[in-house]
Amino acid sequence: MIGLLRGRILHKQPPQLLLDVQGVGYEIDAPMTTFYNLPNVGEDVTLYTHLAVREDAHTLYGFLKTTDRDLFRHLLKVNGVGARLALTILSGMEPAQFVQCVQHGDTDALVRLPGIGKKTAERLVIELRDRLAKDTTLPGAPSVDAAVAIPVTPVEDAVSALVGLGYKPQEASRMVRSLNVADLSSEEIIRQALQSIVQ
């Protein structure tokens, strides 16, 4: 795995730049939030990288901060989000802003990003909320104390748990919505949801 490259920028044309590292040219894709802060062509830069390997291509993605790369990797773990869409998300919104949108369930802001529909926005919130809250190194993340204090409703907690059990986010949401969840704890919601699929 290539985790870091330090070299001279030979060319940059969003979303790609060419980096000369001791005579070897690396083609690197980067989000616009990284491009905005790159030095000029001919100057040196250090990029934290993520290597995505597919059958038809090996693609390097570069970031100026390790926290941005960490957020990119969190995005890749979301069902249906590939490297290209993750790059688009980080190009359309500052990392700190994205983290805040996820934590507050602001799907309206997320759907304004290219390629993000309502279902994808909901999936990002459901699958990333707990994960990002625990990663206090991310930009815009709360402190450890604040993360503990983030209000999570029993319904949200139940949906998150069902996703953790392997159900797809849409399926988990549908299972919970079919129940009368008034005044139920998250544990009871989960129990009833699981019972409902075997009846």
N, C-alpha and C. Protein backbone atom coordinates (compact mmCIF):
# COMPACT_ATOMS: atom_id res chain seq x y z
N MET A 1 0.85 -1.19 0.00
CA MET A 1 0.00 0.00 0.00
C MET A 1 0.88 1.24 0.00
N ILE A 2 0.60 2.17 -0.88
CA ILE A 2 1.32 3.45 -0.92
C ILE A 2 0.55 4.43 -0.05
N GLY A 3 1.14 4.86 1.06
CA GLY A 3 0.43 5.71 2.02
C GLY A 3 0.81 7.16 1.96
N LEU A 4 1.97 7.47 1.40
CA LEU A 4 2.42 8.87 1.36
C LEU A 4 3.39 9.06 0.19
N LEU A 5 3.25 10.18 -0.48
CA LEU A 5 4.19 10.54 -1.55
C LEU A 5 4.63 11.99 -1.36
N ARG A 6 5.93 12.20 -1.53
CA ARG A 6 6.46 13.56 -1.46
C ARG A 6 7.23 13.82 -2.75
N GLY A 7 6.84 14.86 -3.47
CA GLY A 7 7.51 15.14 -4.73
C GLY A 7 7.12 16.48 -5.31
N ARG A 8 7.50 16.68 -6.57
CA ARG A 8 7.28 17.95 -7.25
C ARG A 8 6.09 17.83 -8.21
N ILE A 9 5.23 18.81 -8.18
CA ILE A 9 4.06 18.81 -9.05
C ILE A 9 4.50 19.15 -10.48
N LEU A 10 4.27 18.23 -11.41
CA LEU A 10 4.61 18.45 -12.81
C LEU A 10 3.43 19.02 -13.60
N HIS A 11 2.24 18.62 -13.20
CA HIS A 11 1.04 19.02 -13.93
C HIS A 11 -0.16 18.85 -13.01
N LYS A 12 -1.12 19.74 -13.15
CA LYS A 12 -2.37 19.54 -12.40
C LYS A 12 -3.55 20.03 -13.23
N GLN A 13 -4.50 19.14 -13.37
CA GLN A 13 -5.74 19.41 -14.10
C GLN A 13 -6.83 18.62 -13.40
N PRO A 14 -7.64 19.30 -12.58
CA PRO A 14 -8.64 18.58 -11.77
C PRO A 14 -9.42 17.57 -12.59
N PRO A 15 -9.60 16.37 -12.03
CA PRO A 15 -9.26 15.96 -10.66
C PRO A 15 -7.90 15.28 -10.53
N GLN A 16 -7.03 15.43 -11.52
CA GLN A 16 -5.78 14.67 -11.51
C GLN A 16 -4.56 15.58 -11.50
N LEU A 17 -3.51 15.09 -10.82
CA LEU A 17 -2.23 15.79 -10.86
C LEU A 17 -1.14 14.75 -11.09
N LEU A 18 -0.02 15.22 -11.61
CA LEU A 18 1.13 14.35 -11.87
C LEU A 18 2.24 14.77 -10.93
N LEU A 19 2.70 13.82 -10.13
CA LEU A 19 3.70 14.11 -9.11
C LEU A 19 5.00 13.37 -9.43
N ASP A 20 6.10 14.13 -9.50
CA ASP A 20 7.42 13.54 -9.75
C ASP A 20 8.06 13.19 -8.43
N VAL A 21 8.19 11.89 -8.17
CA VAL A 21 8.83 11.43 -6.94
C VAL A 21 10.13 10.74 -7.31
N GLN A 22 11.22 11.47 -7.23
CA GLN A 22 12.56 10.97 -7.55
C GLN A 22 12.61 10.32 -8.93
N GLY A 23 12.02 11.00 -9.90
CA GLY A 23 12.08 10.54 -11.28
C GLY A 23 10.95 9.63 -11.71
N VAL A 24 10.07 9.28 -10.78
CA VAL A 24 8.91 8.45 -11.12
C VAL A 24 7.66 9.34 -11.05
N GLY A 25 6.88 9.33 -12.13
CA GLY A 25 5.69 10.17 -12.17
C GLY A 25 4.45 9.40 -11.72
N TYR A 26 3.81 9.89 -10.67
CA TYR A 26 2.60 9.27 -10.15
C TYR A 26 1.38 10.10 -10.55
N GLU A 27 0.41 9.46 -11.21
CA GLU A 27 -0.85 10.12 -11.49
C GLU A 27 -1.76 9.94 -10.29
N ILE A 28 -2.24 11.04 -9.75
CA ILE A 28 -3.02 11.01 -8.51
C ILE A 28 -4.31 11.78 -8.70
N ASP A 29 -5.42 11.18 -8.31
CA ASP A 29 -6.70 11.88 -8.31
C ASP A 29 -6.92 12.50 -6.94
N ALA A 30 -7.43 13.71 -6.91
CA ALA A 30 -7.64 14.40 -5.64
C ALA A 30 -8.95 15.19 -5.68
N PRO A 31 -9.60 15.33 -4.52
CA PRO A 31 -10.83 16.13 -4.48
C PRO A 31 -10.50 17.61 -4.63
N MET A 32 -11.48 18.39 -5.00
CA MET A 32 -11.26 19.82 -5.18
C MET A 32 -10.83 20.50 -3.89
N THR A 33 -11.27 19.98 -2.75
CA THR A 33 -10.86 20.57 -1.48
C THR A 33 -9.35 20.45 -1.27
N THR A 34 -8.73 19.46 -1.89
CA THR A 34 -7.27 19.36 -1.88
C THR A 34 -6.67 20.26 -2.95
N PHE A 35 -7.27 20.27 -4.15
CA PHE A 35 -6.75 21.10 -5.24
C PHE A 35 -6.67 22.57 -4.88
N TYR A 36 -7.67 23.05 -4.15
CA TYR A 36 -7.70 24.47 -3.79
C TYR A 36 -6.44 24.89 -3.02
N ASN A 37 -5.83 23.94 -2.32
CA ASN A 37 -4.71 24.26 -1.43
C ASN A 37 -3.37 23.73 -1.91
N LEU A 38 -3.33 23.21 -3.14
CA LEU A 38 -2.07 22.71 -3.68
C LEU A 38 -1.14 23.88 -4.04
N PRO A 39 0.18 23.67 -3.88
CA PRO A 39 1.12 24.70 -4.36
C PRO A 39 1.14 24.73 -5.89
N ASN A 40 1.88 25.65 -6.45
CA ASN A 40 1.95 25.81 -7.90
C ASN A 40 2.74 24.68 -8.55
N VAL A 41 2.53 24.52 -9.86
CA VAL A 41 3.30 23.55 -10.63
C VAL A 41 4.79 23.87 -10.48
N GLY A 42 5.59 22.85 -10.26
CA GLY A 42 7.02 23.04 -10.06
C GLY A 42 7.43 23.05 -8.60
N GLU A 43 6.44 23.17 -7.71
CA GLU A 43 6.74 23.18 -6.28
C GLU A 43 6.52 21.80 -5.66
N ASP A 44 7.11 21.60 -4.50
CA ASP A 44 7.01 20.32 -3.81
C ASP A 44 5.75 20.25 -2.95
N VAL A 45 5.25 19.04 -2.78
CA VAL A 45 4.08 18.82 -1.94
C VAL A 45 4.15 17.41 -1.36
N THR A 46 3.55 17.24 -0.19
CA THR A 46 3.41 15.92 0.42
C THR A 46 1.94 15.56 0.43
N LEU A 47 1.63 14.40 -0.10
CA LEU A 47 0.24 13.94 -0.15
C LEU A 47 0.10 12.60 0.55
N TYR A 48 -0.95 12.48 1.34
CA TYR A 48 -1.32 11.20 1.95
C TYR A 48 -2.22 10.49 0.96
N THR A 49 -1.92 9.24 0.66
CA THR A 49 -2.57 8.58 -0.46
C THR A 49 -3.35 7.33 -0.05
N HIS A 50 -4.29 7.01 -0.92
CA HIS A 50 -5.05 5.76 -0.80
C HIS A 50 -5.02 5.08 -2.16
N LEU A 51 -4.60 3.83 -2.19
CA LEU A 51 -4.52 3.08 -3.44
C LEU A 51 -5.76 2.20 -3.57
N ALA A 52 -6.56 2.46 -4.60
CA ALA A 52 -7.75 1.65 -4.88
C ALA A 52 -7.41 0.67 -5.99
N VAL A 53 -7.59 -0.61 -5.72
CA VAL A 53 -7.23 -1.65 -6.68
C VAL A 53 -8.49 -2.31 -7.20
N ARG A 54 -8.65 -2.27 -8.53
CA ARG A 54 -9.74 -2.98 -9.19
C ARG A 54 -9.13 -3.87 -10.27
N GLU A 55 -9.96 -4.72 -10.84
CA GLU A 55 -9.45 -5.62 -11.88
C GLU A 55 -8.90 -4.85 -13.07
N ASP A 56 -9.54 -3.71 -13.39
CA ASP A 56 -9.15 -2.98 -14.60
C ASP A 56 -8.28 -1.76 -14.33
N ALA A 57 -8.01 -1.44 -13.07
CA ALA A 57 -7.22 -0.23 -12.80
C ALA A 57 -6.71 -0.19 -11.36
N HIS A 58 -5.55 0.44 -11.20
CA HIS A 58 -5.02 0.79 -9.88
C HIS A 58 -5.00 2.31 -9.84
N THR A 59 -5.76 2.90 -8.93
CA THR A 59 -5.89 4.36 -8.89
C THR A 59 -5.43 4.90 -7.55
N LEU A 60 -4.58 5.92 -7.60
CA LEU A 60 -4.10 6.59 -6.39
C LEU A 60 -4.94 7.84 -6.13
N TYR A 61 -5.36 8.00 -4.89
CA TYR A 61 -6.08 9.20 -4.48
C TYR A 61 -5.23 9.93 -3.45
N GLY A 62 -5.12 11.25 -3.60
CA GLY A 62 -4.23 12.01 -2.73
C GLY A 62 -4.94 13.10 -1.95
N PHE A 63 -4.43 13.34 -0.74
CA PHE A 63 -5.03 14.31 0.17
C PHE A 63 -3.92 15.05 0.93
N LEU A 64 -4.16 16.30 1.23
CA LEU A 64 -3.16 17.08 1.96
C LEU A 64 -3.15 16.75 3.44
N LYS A 65 -4.28 16.23 3.95
CA LYS A 65 -4.38 15.93 5.38
C LYS A 65 -4.77 14.46 5.58
N THR A 66 -4.24 13.86 6.62
CA THR A 66 -4.60 12.47 6.92
C THR A 66 -6.08 12.38 7.29
N THR A 67 -6.62 13.42 7.91
CA THR A 67 -8.04 13.38 8.29
C THR A 67 -8.94 13.33 7.07
N ASP A 68 -8.55 14.01 5.99
CA ASP A 68 -9.34 13.96 4.75
C ASP A 68 -9.29 12.56 4.14
N ARG A 69 -8.12 11.96 4.19
CA ARG A 69 -8.00 10.59 3.68
C ARG A 69 -8.82 9.63 4.54
N ASP A 70 -8.82 9.84 5.85
CA ASP A 70 -9.62 8.99 6.74
C ASP A 70 -11.10 9.08 6.40
N LEU A 71 -11.58 10.31 6.13
CA LEU A 71 -12.98 10.49 5.78
C LEU A 71 -13.29 9.80 4.45
N PHE A 72 -12.38 9.91 3.50
CA PHE A 72 -12.52 9.21 2.21
C PHE A 72 -12.68 7.71 2.44
N ARG A 73 -11.87 7.16 3.33
CA ARG A 73 -11.93 5.72 3.61
C ARG A 73 -13.23 5.35 4.32
N HIS A 74 -13.73 6.23 5.17
CA HIS A 74 -15.03 5.98 5.80
C HIS A 74 -16.12 5.92 4.72
N LEU A 75 -16.04 6.83 3.76
CA LEU A 75 -17.04 6.87 2.69
C LEU A 75 -17.03 5.58 1.87
N LEU A 76 -15.85 5.04 1.62
CA LEU A 76 -15.74 3.82 0.82
C LEU A 76 -16.42 2.63 1.48
N LYS A 77 -16.61 2.69 2.79
CA LYS A 77 -17.24 1.59 3.51
C LYS A 77 -18.76 1.65 3.45
N VAL A 78 -19.30 2.75 2.93
CA VAL A 78 -20.75 2.89 2.82
C VAL A 78 -21.25 2.10 1.63
N ASN A 79 -22.29 1.34 1.82
CA ASN A 79 -22.87 0.53 0.76
C ASN A 79 -23.26 1.39 -0.43
N GLY A 80 -22.73 1.08 -1.61
CA GLY A 80 -23.08 1.81 -2.82
C GLY A 80 -22.23 3.03 -3.11
N VAL A 81 -21.27 3.33 -2.25
CA VAL A 81 -20.39 4.49 -2.47
C VAL A 81 -19.01 3.99 -2.91
N GLY A 82 -18.65 4.29 -4.14
CA GLY A 82 -17.34 3.92 -4.64
C GLY A 82 -16.37 5.09 -4.53
N ALA A 83 -15.16 4.87 -5.02
CA ALA A 83 -14.12 5.90 -4.91
C ALA A 83 -14.50 7.17 -5.66
N ARG A 84 -15.11 7.04 -6.84
CA ARG A 84 -15.47 8.22 -7.63
C ARG A 84 -16.52 9.08 -6.92
N LEU A 85 -17.52 8.41 -6.36
CA LEU A 85 -18.56 9.16 -5.66
C LEU A 85 -18.00 9.78 -4.39
N ALA A 86 -17.12 9.06 -3.70
CA ALA A 86 -16.48 9.61 -2.50
C ALA A 86 -15.68 10.86 -2.85
N LEU A 87 -14.99 10.81 -3.99
CA LEU A 87 -14.21 11.97 -4.44
C LEU A 87 -15.14 13.14 -4.77
N THR A 88 -16.28 12.84 -5.38
CA THR A 88 -17.26 13.88 -5.71
C THR A 88 -17.80 14.53 -4.44
N ILE A 89 -18.09 13.72 -3.44
CA ILE A 89 -18.61 14.25 -2.17
C ILE A 89 -17.60 15.19 -1.54
N LEU A 90 -16.34 14.77 -1.49
CA LEU A 90 -15.31 15.60 -0.86
C LEU A 90 -14.94 16.81 -1.71
N SER A 91 -15.30 16.77 -2.99
CA SER A 91 -15.06 17.93 -3.86
C SER A 91 -16.16 18.97 -3.69
N GLY A 92 -17.35 18.51 -3.33
CA GLY A 92 -18.49 19.43 -3.25
C GLY A 92 -18.73 20.01 -1.88
N MET A 93 -18.03 19.50 -0.86
CA MET A 93 -18.28 19.95 0.50
C MET A 93 -17.02 19.79 1.35
N GLU A 94 -16.70 20.80 2.14
CA GLU A 94 -15.55 20.70 3.03
C GLU A 94 -15.77 19.53 4.00
N PRO A 95 -14.71 18.79 4.33
CA PRO A 95 -14.86 17.65 5.23
C PRO A 95 -15.59 17.97 6.54
N ALA A 96 -15.24 19.10 7.15
CA ALA A 96 -15.89 19.46 8.42
C ALA A 96 -17.39 19.67 8.23
N GLN A 97 -17.76 20.27 7.11
CA GLN A 97 -19.17 20.50 6.81
C GLN A 97 -19.90 19.18 6.58
N PHE A 98 -19.24 18.26 5.88
CA PHE A 98 -19.84 16.95 5.62
C PHE A 98 -20.09 16.20 6.92
N VAL A 99 -19.09 16.21 7.81
CA VAL A 99 -19.23 15.53 9.10
C VAL A 99 -20.41 16.10 9.88
N GLN A 100 -20.55 17.43 9.86
CA GLN A 100 -21.67 18.07 10.58
C GLN A 100 -23.01 17.67 9.97
N CYS A 101 -23.08 17.60 8.64
CA CYS A 101 -24.33 17.21 7.97
C CYS A 101 -24.74 15.79 8.37
N VAL A 102 -23.76 14.90 8.43
CA VAL A 102 -24.06 13.52 8.81
C VAL A 102 -24.51 13.45 10.26
N GLN A 103 -23.82 14.15 11.14
CA GLN A 103 -24.15 14.09 12.55
C GLN A 103 -25.53 14.66 12.85
N HIS A 104 -25.93 15.67 12.07
CA HIS A 104 -27.23 16.30 12.30
C HIS A 104 -28.33 15.76 11.38
N GLY A 105 -27.98 14.74 10.58
CA GLY A 105 -28.98 14.14 9.69
C GLY A 105 -29.49 15.10 8.63
N ASP A 106 -28.63 16.00 8.17
CA ASP A 106 -29.04 17.03 7.20
C ASP A 106 -28.98 16.45 5.78
N THR A 107 -29.98 15.62 5.45
CA THR A 107 -29.99 15.01 4.12
C THR A 107 -30.29 16.04 3.03
N ASP A 108 -30.98 17.13 3.37
CA ASP A 108 -31.27 18.17 2.37
C ASP A 108 -29.99 18.77 1.82
N ALA A 109 -29.01 18.97 2.68
CA ALA A 109 -27.72 19.51 2.23
C ALA A 109 -26.96 18.47 1.41
N LEU A 110 -27.05 17.21 1.82
CA LEU A 110 -26.31 16.15 1.13
C LEU A 110 -26.84 15.91 -0.28
N VAL A 111 -28.16 16.01 -0.48
CA VAL A 111 -28.71 15.75 -1.82
C VAL A 111 -28.34 16.85 -2.82
N ARG A 112 -27.82 17.96 -2.34
CA ARG A 112 -27.37 19.01 -3.26
C ARG A 112 -26.01 18.68 -3.88
N LEU A 113 -25.36 17.64 -3.36
CA LEU A 113 -24.09 17.20 -3.94
C LEU A 113 -24.36 16.40 -5.21
N PRO A 114 -23.53 16.53 -6.23
CA PRO A 114 -23.73 15.78 -7.47
C PRO A 114 -23.71 14.28 -7.22
N GLY A 115 -24.68 13.58 -7.80
CA GLY A 115 -24.71 12.13 -7.70
C GLY A 115 -25.32 11.59 -6.42
N ILE A 116 -25.78 12.48 -5.53
CA ILE A 116 -26.37 12.05 -4.27
C ILE A 116 -27.88 12.25 -4.31
N GLY A 117 -28.62 11.15 -4.30
CA GLY A 117 -30.07 11.21 -4.22
C GLY A 117 -30.52 11.07 -2.78
N LYS A 118 -31.81 11.10 -2.58
CA LYS A 118 -32.37 11.04 -1.23
C LYS A 118 -31.97 9.74 -0.52
N LYS A 119 -32.06 8.62 -1.22
CA LYS A 119 -31.74 7.34 -0.59
C LYS A 119 -30.26 7.24 -0.23
N THR A 120 -29.40 7.74 -1.11
CA THR A 120 -27.97 7.71 -0.81
C THR A 120 -27.64 8.61 0.36
N ALA A 121 -28.29 9.78 0.43
CA ALA A 121 -28.08 10.71 1.55
C ALA A 121 -28.49 10.06 2.86
N GLU A 122 -29.63 9.38 2.86
CA GLU A 122 -30.09 8.70 4.07
C GLU A 122 -29.13 7.59 4.47
N ARG A 123 -28.62 6.88 3.46
CA ARG A 123 -27.67 5.80 3.75
C ARG A 123 -26.38 6.35 4.35
N LEU A 124 -25.91 7.49 3.84
CA LEU A 124 -24.71 8.11 4.39
C LEU A 124 -24.90 8.46 5.86
N VAL A 125 -26.06 9.01 6.19
CA VAL A 125 -26.33 9.39 7.57
C VAL A 125 -26.41 8.15 8.46
N ILE A 126 -27.18 7.15 8.02
CA ILE A 126 -27.39 5.95 8.83
C ILE A 126 -26.09 5.19 9.06
N GLU A 127 -25.30 5.03 8.00
CA GLU A 127 -24.11 4.19 8.10
C GLU A 127 -22.89 4.92 8.69
N LEU A 128 -22.87 6.26 8.58
CA LEU A 128 -21.68 6.98 9.01
C LEU A 128 -21.83 7.69 10.35
N ARG A 129 -23.06 7.92 10.80
CA ARG A 129 -23.24 8.75 12.00
C ARG A 129 -22.44 8.23 13.19
N ASP A 130 -22.63 6.97 13.53
CA ASP A 130 -21.92 6.41 14.68
C ASP A 130 -20.42 6.33 14.43
N ARG A 131 -20.06 5.95 13.22
CA ARG A 131 -18.64 5.78 12.88
C ARG A 131 -17.89 7.10 12.98
N LEU A 132 -18.49 8.17 12.45
CA LEU A 132 -17.83 9.47 12.49
C LEU A 132 -17.81 10.05 13.90
N ALA A 133 -18.86 9.77 14.67
CA ALA A 133 -18.91 10.27 16.04
C ALA A 133 -17.78 9.68 16.89
N LYS A 134 -17.40 8.44 16.57
CA LYS A 134 -16.33 7.78 17.33
C LYS A 134 -14.95 8.24 16.87
N ASP A 135 -14.85 8.75 15.65
CA ASP A 135 -13.55 9.18 15.11
C ASP A 135 -13.36 10.66 15.39
N THR A 136 -12.83 10.98 16.56
CA THR A 136 -12.71 12.38 16.99
C THR A 136 -11.55 13.10 16.31
N THR A 137 -10.81 12.41 15.44
CA THR A 137 -9.71 13.08 14.73
C THR A 137 -10.21 13.80 13.48
N LEU A 138 -11.44 13.51 13.05
CA LEU A 138 -11.94 14.10 11.82
C LEU A 138 -12.27 15.57 11.99
N PRO A 139 -12.15 16.36 10.92
CA PRO A 139 -12.53 17.78 11.00
C PRO A 139 -14.02 17.90 11.25
N GLY A 140 -14.37 18.76 12.20
CA GLY A 140 -15.79 18.96 12.51
C GLY A 140 -16.35 17.93 13.46
N ALA A 141 -15.51 16.95 13.85
CA ALA A 141 -15.99 15.93 14.78
C ALA A 141 -16.07 16.51 16.18
N PRO A 142 -16.99 16.02 16.99
CA PRO A 142 -17.10 16.52 18.35
C PRO A 142 -15.98 15.97 19.21
N SER A 143 -15.80 16.57 20.36
CA SER A 143 -14.87 16.02 21.33
C SER A 143 -15.44 14.70 21.83
N VAL A 144 -14.64 13.96 22.58
CA VAL A 144 -15.12 12.68 23.09
C VAL A 144 -16.37 12.87 23.94
N ASP A 145 -16.37 13.89 24.80
CA ASP A 145 -17.53 14.15 25.65
C ASP A 145 -18.73 14.52 24.82
N ALA A 146 -18.52 15.35 23.81
CA ALA A 146 -19.63 15.77 22.95
C ALA A 146 -20.19 14.61 22.16
N ALA A 147 -19.29 13.71 21.73
CA ALA A 147 -19.75 12.57 20.96
C ALA A 147 -20.69 11.70 21.79
N VAL A 148 -20.38 11.57 23.06
CA VAL A 148 -21.24 10.77 23.94
C VAL A 148 -22.60 11.45 24.10
N ALA A 149 -22.60 12.79 24.03
CA ALA A 149 -23.82 13.54 24.29
C ALA A 149 -24.72 13.70 23.08
N ILE A 150 -24.25 13.26 21.88
CA ILE A 150 -25.08 13.41 20.68
C ILE A 150 -26.37 12.63 20.86
N PRO A 151 -27.52 13.30 20.75
CA PRO A 151 -28.78 12.59 20.96
C PRO A 151 -29.07 11.62 19.81
N VAL A 152 -29.32 10.40 20.15
CA VAL A 152 -29.70 9.39 19.17
C VAL A 152 -31.02 8.80 19.63
N THR A 153 -32.03 8.88 18.80
CA THR A 153 -33.34 8.36 19.19
C THR A 153 -33.30 6.84 19.19
N PRO A 154 -34.23 6.19 19.93
CA PRO A 154 -34.29 4.73 19.90
C PRO A 154 -34.46 4.16 18.50
N VAL A 155 -35.23 4.89 17.66
CA VAL A 155 -35.43 4.43 16.29
C VAL A 155 -34.12 4.44 15.51
N GLU A 156 -33.37 5.55 15.61
CA GLU A 156 -32.08 5.65 14.92
C GLU A 156 -31.11 4.59 15.43
N ASP A 157 -31.12 4.39 16.74
CA ASP A 157 -30.24 3.40 17.34
C ASP A 157 -30.59 1.99 16.84
N ALA A 158 -31.90 1.72 16.74
CA ALA A 158 -32.34 0.41 16.27
C ALA A 158 -31.96 0.17 14.82
N VAL A 159 -32.18 1.19 13.98
CA VAL A 159 -31.83 1.07 12.56
C VAL A 159 -30.33 0.83 12.41
N SER A 160 -29.54 1.58 13.16
CA SER A 160 -28.08 1.42 13.10
C SER A 160 -27.67 0.01 13.52
N ALA A 161 -28.33 -0.51 14.55
CA ALA A 161 -28.01 -1.86 15.02
C ALA A 161 -28.37 -2.91 13.98
N LEU A 162 -29.52 -2.73 13.32
CA LEU A 162 -29.95 -3.68 12.29
C LEU A 162 -28.99 -3.67 11.10
N VAL A 163 -28.51 -2.47 10.75
CA VAL A 163 -27.50 -2.37 9.68
C VAL A 163 -26.24 -3.12 10.10
N GLY A 164 -25.87 -2.95 11.37
CA GLY A 164 -24.70 -3.66 11.88
C GLY A 164 -24.86 -5.17 11.85
N LEU A 165 -26.12 -5.63 11.90
CA LEU A 165 -26.40 -7.05 11.84
C LEU A 165 -26.40 -7.59 10.41
N GLY A 166 -26.25 -6.67 9.44
CA GLY A 166 -26.15 -7.11 8.05
C GLY A 166 -27.31 -6.73 7.16
N TYR A 167 -28.34 -6.10 7.72
CA TYR A 167 -29.45 -5.67 6.88
C TYR A 167 -29.07 -4.40 6.13
N LYS A 168 -29.60 -4.24 4.93
CA LYS A 168 -29.35 -3.02 4.17
C LYS A 168 -30.07 -1.86 4.84
N PRO A 169 -29.53 -0.64 4.76
CA PRO A 169 -30.14 0.52 5.44
C PRO A 169 -31.62 0.70 5.11
N GLN A 170 -31.97 0.55 3.81
CA GLN A 170 -33.38 0.72 3.43
C GLN A 170 -34.25 -0.34 4.07
N GLU A 171 -33.73 -1.57 4.10
CA GLU A 171 -34.47 -2.68 4.67
C GLU A 171 -34.65 -2.49 6.18
N ALA A 172 -33.59 -2.04 6.84
CA ALA A 172 -33.66 -1.81 8.29
C ALA A 172 -34.67 -0.71 8.61
N SER A 173 -34.65 0.36 7.82
CA SER A 173 -35.60 1.45 8.03
C SER A 173 -37.03 0.97 7.83
N ARG A 174 -37.25 0.15 6.81
CA ARG A 174 -38.58 -0.36 6.52
C ARG A 174 -39.07 -1.27 7.64
N MET A 175 -38.18 -2.09 8.17
CA MET A 175 -38.55 -2.98 9.27
C MET A 175 -39.01 -2.19 10.49
N VAL A 176 -38.29 -1.12 10.80
CA VAL A 176 -38.62 -0.32 11.98
C VAL A 176 -39.90 0.50 11.76
N ARG A 177 -40.06 1.03 10.54
CA ARG A 177 -41.24 1.86 10.25
C ARG A 177 -42.54 1.06 10.32
N SER A 178 -42.43 -0.24 10.13
CA SER A 178 -43.64 -1.07 10.13
C SER A 178 -44.15 -1.34 11.55
N LEU A 179 -43.38 -0.91 12.56
CA LEU A 179 -43.75 -1.18 13.94
C LEU A 179 -44.38 0.05 14.60
N ASN A 180 -45.11 -0.20 15.68
CA ASN A 180 -45.59 0.89 16.52
C ASN A 180 -44.54 1.10 17.61
N VAL A 181 -43.65 2.08 17.39
CA VAL A 181 -42.46 2.21 18.22
C VAL A 181 -42.61 3.24 19.35
N ALA A 182 -43.80 3.75 19.54
CA ALA A 182 -44.01 4.77 20.58
C ALA A 182 -43.57 4.24 21.95
N ASP A 183 -42.69 5.01 22.59
CA ASP A 183 -42.23 4.74 23.96
C ASP A 183 -41.46 3.42 24.10
N LEU A 184 -41.00 2.87 23.00
CA LEU A 184 -40.21 1.64 23.08
C LEU A 184 -38.72 1.97 23.15
N SER A 185 -37.98 1.13 23.86
CA SER A 185 -36.53 1.28 23.87
C SER A 185 -35.96 0.75 22.56
N SER A 186 -34.72 1.11 22.27
CA SER A 186 -34.10 0.63 21.03
C SER A 186 -33.99 -0.90 21.04
N GLU A 187 -33.73 -1.47 22.22
CA GLU A 187 -33.62 -2.93 22.31
C GLU A 187 -34.94 -3.60 21.97
N GLU A 188 -36.05 -3.02 22.44
CA GLU A 188 -37.36 -3.59 22.18
C GLU A 188 -37.73 -3.44 20.70
N ILE A 189 -37.36 -2.30 20.12
CA ILE A 189 -37.62 -2.08 18.69
C ILE A 189 -36.88 -3.13 17.87
N ILE A 190 -35.62 -3.36 18.21
CA ILE A 190 -34.81 -4.35 17.48
C ILE A 190 -35.44 -5.74 17.62
N ARG A 191 -35.84 -6.08 18.85
CA ARG A 191 -36.43 -7.40 19.10
C ARG A 191 -37.69 -7.59 18.26
N GLN A 192 -38.58 -6.57 18.26
CA GLN A 192 -39.82 -6.68 17.49
C GLN A 192 -39.56 -6.71 15.99
N ALA A 193 -38.57 -5.93 15.54
CA ALA A 193 -38.23 -5.91 14.11
C ALA A 193 -37.75 -7.28 13.65
N LEU A 194 -36.91 -7.92 14.46
CA LEU A 194 -36.40 -9.24 14.11
C LEU A 194 -37.50 -10.29 14.16
N GLN A 195 -38.41 -10.13 15.12
CA GLN A 195 -39.53 -11.06 15.21
C GLN A 195 -40.46 -10.94 14.01
N SER A 196 -40.62 -9.71 13.52
CA SER A 196 -41.56 -9.47 12.43
C SER A 196 -41.16 -10.17 11.14
N ILE A 197 -39.87 -10.42 10.94
CA ILE A 197 -39.44 -11.04 9.68
C ILE A 197 -39.54 -12.56 9.70
N VAL A 198 -39.78 -13.12 10.90
CA VAL A 198 -39.90 -14.58 10.97
C VAL A 198 -41.35 -15.01 11.16
N GLN A 199 -42.23 -14.04 11.20
CA GLN A 199 -43.65 -14.37 11.35
C GLN A 199 -44.28 -14.66 10.01
